[in-house]
Amino acid sequence: MRGKMLRTFVCLTGFAMLSTPLAAVTAKDKSKPKDPDEKICEDITMVGSRLAVKRICATRSEWAERRRDERMTIDSAQVRANDPCNTINTHSGGAGC
């Protein structure tokens, strides 16, 4: 159980690190309409390393889709973490799934 929670935390922390630069792209200037086909490149630090950086280039619409997918993944992981059917039952008479 503890190992599963640790993996979930590490996974969610990694998604949060990936989505941080994406939030900075959208928060800059909201007054002008943005071209959804404009290509934007970001340097993303790889999880578990201080030095490994990966450059990812995508259009604004692809970045938006990526943010939506990451948010949905995080939300579903949080919902599954509280589901008694997904926990390891070490005692008799637990939740019946």
N, C-alpha and C. Protein backbone atom coordinates (compact mmCIF):
# COMPACT_ATOMS: atom_id res chain seq x y z
N MET A 1 0.83 -1.19 0.00
CA MET A 1 0.00 0.00 0.00
C MET A 1 0.87 1.25 0.00
N ARG A 2 1.89 1.24 0.87
CA ARG A 2 2.77 2.40 0.97
C ARG A 2 3.54 2.61 -0.34
N GLY A 3 3.98 1.52 -0.95
CA GLY A 3 4.70 1.61 -2.22
C GLY A 3 3.82 2.16 -3.32
N LYS A 4 2.54 1.76 -3.32
CA LYS A 4 1.60 2.25 -4.34
C LYS A 4 1.37 3.75 -4.16
N MET A 5 1.24 4.18 -2.91
CA MET A 5 1.03 5.61 -2.66
C MET A 5 2.26 6.40 -3.06
N LEU A 6 3.45 5.86 -2.81
CA LEU A 6 4.68 6.53 -3.18
C LEU A 6 4.79 6.65 -4.69
N ARG A 7 4.46 5.58 -5.41
CA ARG A 7 4.49 5.64 -6.88
C ARG A 7 3.50 6.66 -7.40
N THR A 8 2.31 6.72 -6.82
CA THR A 8 1.31 7.70 -7.24
C THR A 8 1.82 9.11 -6.99
N PHE A 9 2.45 9.34 -5.83
CA PHE A 9 2.98 10.66 -5.52
C PHE A 9 4.07 11.06 -6.50
N VAL A 10 4.99 10.13 -6.78
CA VAL A 10 6.08 10.42 -7.71
C VAL A 10 5.51 10.69 -9.09
N CYS A 11 4.53 9.92 -9.50
CA CYS A 11 3.91 10.10 -10.81
C CYS A 11 3.23 11.47 -10.90
N LEU A 12 2.46 11.82 -9.89
CA LEU A 12 1.76 13.10 -9.88
C LEU A 12 2.73 14.26 -9.81
N THR A 13 3.82 14.10 -9.06
CA THR A 13 4.83 15.14 -8.97
C THR A 13 5.47 15.35 -10.33
N GLY A 14 5.72 14.27 -11.05
CA GLY A 14 6.29 14.37 -12.39
C GLY A 14 5.37 15.11 -13.33
N PHE A 15 4.06 14.84 -13.27
CA PHE A 15 3.11 15.55 -14.12
C PHE A 15 3.06 17.02 -13.76
N ALA A 16 3.14 17.31 -12.47
CA ALA A 16 3.12 18.71 -12.05
C ALA A 16 4.35 19.44 -12.58
N MET A 17 5.50 18.77 -12.58
CA MET A 17 6.71 19.40 -13.09
C MET A 17 6.61 19.63 -14.60
N LEU A 18 5.97 18.71 -15.31
CA LEU A 18 5.83 18.88 -16.75
C LEU A 18 4.85 19.99 -17.08
N SER A 19 3.82 20.16 -16.28
CA SER A 19 2.80 21.14 -16.61
C SER A 19 3.17 22.56 -16.16
N THR A 20 4.19 22.73 -15.32
CA THR A 20 4.56 24.06 -14.84
C THR A 20 4.98 24.99 -15.97
N PRO A 21 5.87 24.61 -16.89
CA PRO A 21 6.22 25.52 -17.97
C PRO A 21 5.04 25.81 -18.89
N LEU A 22 4.11 24.87 -19.00
CA LEU A 22 2.96 25.09 -19.86
C LEU A 22 2.06 26.19 -19.31
N ALA A 23 1.94 26.27 -18.00
CA ALA A 23 1.13 27.31 -17.39
C ALA A 23 1.74 28.68 -17.64
N ALA A 24 3.07 28.75 -17.65
CA ALA A 24 3.74 30.02 -17.89
C ALA A 24 3.49 30.52 -19.30
N VAL A 25 3.33 29.61 -20.25
CA VAL A 25 3.08 30.01 -21.64
C VAL A 25 1.71 30.67 -21.76
N THR A 26 0.71 30.16 -21.07
CA THR A 26 -0.63 30.70 -21.21
C THR A 26 -0.86 31.95 -20.35
N ALA A 27 -0.04 32.18 -19.34
CA ALA A 27 -0.27 33.29 -18.43
C ALA A 27 0.39 34.59 -18.88
N LYS A 28 1.14 34.60 -19.98
CA LYS A 28 1.90 35.77 -20.37
C LYS A 28 1.02 36.94 -20.79
N ASP A 29 0.32 36.80 -21.89
CA ASP A 29 -0.45 37.92 -22.42
C ASP A 29 -1.77 37.40 -22.98
N LYS A 30 -2.85 37.68 -22.29
CA LYS A 30 -4.16 37.17 -22.71
C LYS A 30 -4.98 38.22 -23.46
N SER A 31 -4.41 39.40 -23.72
CA SER A 31 -5.19 40.45 -24.35
C SER A 31 -5.34 40.23 -25.85
N LYS A 32 -4.33 39.67 -26.52
CA LYS A 32 -4.40 39.46 -27.96
C LYS A 32 -4.82 38.03 -28.25
N PRO A 33 -5.62 37.85 -29.32
CA PRO A 33 -5.95 36.48 -29.70
C PRO A 33 -4.69 35.78 -30.22
N LYS A 34 -4.50 34.56 -29.81
CA LYS A 34 -3.31 33.80 -30.17
C LYS A 34 -3.62 32.87 -31.34
N ASP A 35 -2.63 32.67 -32.18
CA ASP A 35 -2.74 31.76 -33.30
C ASP A 35 -2.59 30.32 -32.79
N PRO A 36 -3.61 29.47 -32.94
CA PRO A 36 -3.52 28.11 -32.42
C PRO A 36 -2.49 27.25 -33.16
N ASP A 37 -2.06 27.68 -34.36
CA ASP A 37 -1.08 26.91 -35.13
C ASP A 37 0.34 27.42 -34.94
N GLU A 38 0.54 28.41 -34.07
CA GLU A 38 1.89 28.91 -33.81
C GLU A 38 2.69 27.85 -33.07
N LYS A 39 3.91 27.63 -33.51
CA LYS A 39 4.77 26.62 -32.90
C LYS A 39 5.51 27.22 -31.70
N ILE A 40 5.47 26.51 -30.58
CA ILE A 40 6.11 26.95 -29.35
C ILE A 40 7.02 25.83 -28.87
N CYS A 41 8.26 26.18 -28.53
CA CYS A 41 9.22 25.20 -28.03
C CYS A 41 9.49 25.48 -26.55
N GLU A 42 9.55 24.42 -25.77
CA GLU A 42 9.82 24.52 -24.34
C GLU A 42 10.94 23.57 -23.96
N ASP A 43 11.81 24.02 -23.06
CA ASP A 43 12.82 23.15 -22.47
C ASP A 43 12.25 22.60 -21.17
N ILE A 44 12.13 21.27 -21.09
CA ILE A 44 11.53 20.63 -19.93
C ILE A 44 12.58 19.78 -19.24
N THR A 45 12.78 20.02 -17.95
CA THR A 45 13.71 19.25 -17.15
C THR A 45 13.12 17.87 -16.90
N MET A 46 13.89 16.86 -17.19
CA MET A 46 13.43 15.48 -17.02
C MET A 46 13.33 15.15 -15.53
N VAL A 47 12.31 14.40 -15.17
CA VAL A 47 12.09 14.02 -13.78
C VAL A 47 13.22 13.11 -13.32
N GLY A 48 13.79 13.42 -12.16
CA GLY A 48 14.86 12.62 -11.60
C GLY A 48 16.25 13.10 -11.97
N SER A 49 16.34 14.21 -12.69
CA SER A 49 17.65 14.71 -13.09
C SER A 49 17.65 16.23 -13.03
N ARG A 50 18.76 16.78 -12.58
CA ARG A 50 18.87 18.23 -12.55
C ARG A 50 19.44 18.76 -13.86
N LEU A 51 20.08 17.89 -14.62
CA LEU A 51 20.79 18.34 -15.81
C LEU A 51 20.12 17.95 -17.12
N ALA A 52 19.39 16.86 -17.14
CA ALA A 52 18.78 16.39 -18.38
C ALA A 52 17.60 17.29 -18.75
N VAL A 53 17.71 17.90 -19.92
CA VAL A 53 16.65 18.78 -20.42
C VAL A 53 16.24 18.30 -21.79
N LYS A 54 14.94 18.25 -22.01
CA LYS A 54 14.42 17.83 -23.29
C LYS A 54 13.65 18.99 -23.91
N ARG A 55 13.93 19.28 -25.16
CA ARG A 55 13.25 20.37 -25.86
C ARG A 55 12.06 19.78 -26.61
N ILE A 56 10.88 20.30 -26.31
CA ILE A 56 9.65 19.82 -26.94
C ILE A 56 9.02 20.98 -27.69
N CYS A 57 8.74 20.77 -28.96
CA CYS A 57 8.10 21.79 -29.79
C CYS A 57 6.73 21.28 -30.21
N ALA A 58 5.73 22.14 -30.09
CA ALA A 58 4.36 21.79 -30.46
C ALA A 58 3.59 23.08 -30.73
N THR A 59 2.43 22.95 -31.36
CA THR A 59 1.59 24.12 -31.61
C THR A 59 0.82 24.46 -30.33
N ARG A 60 0.25 25.65 -30.31
CA ARG A 60 -0.55 26.06 -29.13
C ARG A 60 -1.68 25.07 -28.86
N SER A 61 -2.35 24.62 -29.90
CA SER A 61 -3.46 23.69 -29.71
C SER A 61 -2.96 22.34 -29.17
N GLU A 62 -1.77 21.90 -29.61
CA GLU A 62 -1.21 20.66 -29.07
C GLU A 62 -0.83 20.81 -27.61
N TRP A 63 -0.29 21.98 -27.22
CA TRP A 63 0.04 22.22 -25.81
C TRP A 63 -1.24 22.21 -24.97
N ALA A 64 -2.31 22.81 -25.50
CA ALA A 64 -3.58 22.84 -24.76
C ALA A 64 -4.13 21.41 -24.59
N GLU A 65 -4.03 20.61 -25.64
CA GLU A 65 -4.49 19.22 -25.55
C GLU A 65 -3.66 18.43 -24.55
N ARG A 66 -2.37 18.68 -24.54
CA ARG A 66 -1.48 18.00 -23.60
C ARG A 66 -1.84 18.37 -22.16
N ARG A 67 -2.12 19.66 -21.91
CA ARG A 67 -2.52 20.08 -20.56
C ARG A 67 -3.82 19.41 -20.14
N ARG A 68 -4.80 19.32 -21.07
CA ARG A 68 -6.06 18.65 -20.76
C ARG A 68 -5.82 17.17 -20.42
N ASP A 69 -5.00 16.50 -21.22
CA ASP A 69 -4.71 15.08 -20.97
C ASP A 69 -4.02 14.87 -19.63
N GLU A 70 -3.06 15.74 -19.30
CA GLU A 70 -2.36 15.63 -18.02
C GLU A 70 -3.33 15.84 -16.86
N ARG A 71 -4.21 16.82 -17.00
CA ARG A 71 -5.19 17.11 -15.94
C ARG A 71 -6.12 15.91 -15.75
N MET A 72 -6.58 15.32 -16.85
CA MET A 72 -7.47 14.15 -16.75
C MET A 72 -6.75 12.97 -16.11
N THR A 73 -5.47 12.77 -16.43
CA THR A 73 -4.70 11.69 -15.84
C THR A 73 -4.55 11.88 -14.33
N ILE A 74 -4.26 13.09 -13.93
CA ILE A 74 -4.12 13.38 -12.50
C ILE A 74 -5.45 13.19 -11.78
N ASP A 75 -6.53 13.70 -12.37
CA ASP A 75 -7.85 13.55 -11.75
C ASP A 75 -8.24 12.08 -11.60
N SER A 76 -8.00 11.28 -12.65
CA SER A 76 -8.39 9.87 -12.56
C SER A 76 -7.52 9.13 -11.55
N ALA A 77 -6.24 9.49 -11.44
CA ALA A 77 -5.38 8.85 -10.44
C ALA A 77 -5.84 9.18 -9.03
N GLN A 78 -6.29 10.40 -8.82
CA GLN A 78 -6.77 10.79 -7.50
C GLN A 78 -8.07 10.08 -7.16
N VAL A 79 -8.94 9.89 -8.13
CA VAL A 79 -10.20 9.19 -7.89
C VAL A 79 -9.93 7.72 -7.58
N ARG A 80 -9.04 7.10 -8.37
CA ARG A 80 -8.72 5.68 -8.15
C ARG A 80 -8.02 5.46 -6.82
N ALA A 81 -7.27 6.43 -6.33
CA ALA A 81 -6.55 6.27 -5.07
C ALA A 81 -7.51 6.13 -3.90
N ASN A 82 -8.70 6.69 -4.02
CA ASN A 82 -9.69 6.63 -2.94
C ASN A 82 -10.70 5.51 -3.13
N ASP A 83 -10.56 4.70 -4.16
CA ASP A 83 -11.48 3.61 -4.44
C ASP A 83 -11.10 2.40 -3.59
N PRO A 84 -11.99 1.93 -2.72
CA PRO A 84 -11.64 0.80 -1.85
C PRO A 84 -11.40 -0.49 -2.63
N CYS A 85 -11.89 -0.58 -3.85
CA CYS A 85 -11.68 -1.80 -4.64
C CYS A 85 -10.26 -1.87 -5.20
N ASN A 86 -9.55 -0.75 -5.22
CA ASN A 86 -8.19 -0.73 -5.74
C ASN A 86 -7.14 -0.84 -4.65
N THR A 87 -7.56 -0.89 -3.40
CA THR A 87 -6.60 -1.00 -2.30
C THR A 87 -6.35 -2.47 -2.00
N ILE A 88 -5.20 -2.74 -1.42
CA ILE A 88 -4.87 -4.11 -1.03
C ILE A 88 -5.47 -4.37 0.34
N ASN A 89 -6.32 -5.37 0.42
CA ASN A 89 -7.01 -5.68 1.66
C ASN A 89 -6.21 -6.74 2.41
N THR A 90 -5.67 -6.36 3.57
CA THR A 90 -4.88 -7.29 4.38
C THR A 90 -5.70 -7.88 5.53
N HIS A 91 -6.91 -7.42 5.69
CA HIS A 91 -7.76 -7.91 6.76
C HIS A 91 -8.97 -8.59 6.15
N SER A 92 -9.52 -9.56 6.89
CA SER A 92 -10.72 -10.22 6.39
C SER A 92 -11.93 -9.33 6.64
N GLY A 93 -12.91 -9.48 5.80
CA GLY A 93 -14.15 -8.73 5.98
C GLY A 93 -14.09 -7.33 5.43
N GLY A 94 -13.21 -7.06 4.49
CA GLY A 94 -13.08 -5.73 3.91
C GLY A 94 -14.18 -5.47 2.88
N ALA A 95 -13.95 -4.46 2.09
CA ALA A 95 -14.93 -4.09 1.06
C ALA A 95 -15.07 -5.19 0.05
N GLY A 96 -16.29 -5.50 -0.31
CA GLY A 96 -16.55 -6.53 -1.30
C GLY A 96 -16.74 -5.90 -2.67
N CYS A 97 -15.87 -6.22 -3.56
CA CYS A 97 -15.95 -5.66 -4.92
C CYS A 97 -16.26 -6.73 -5.91
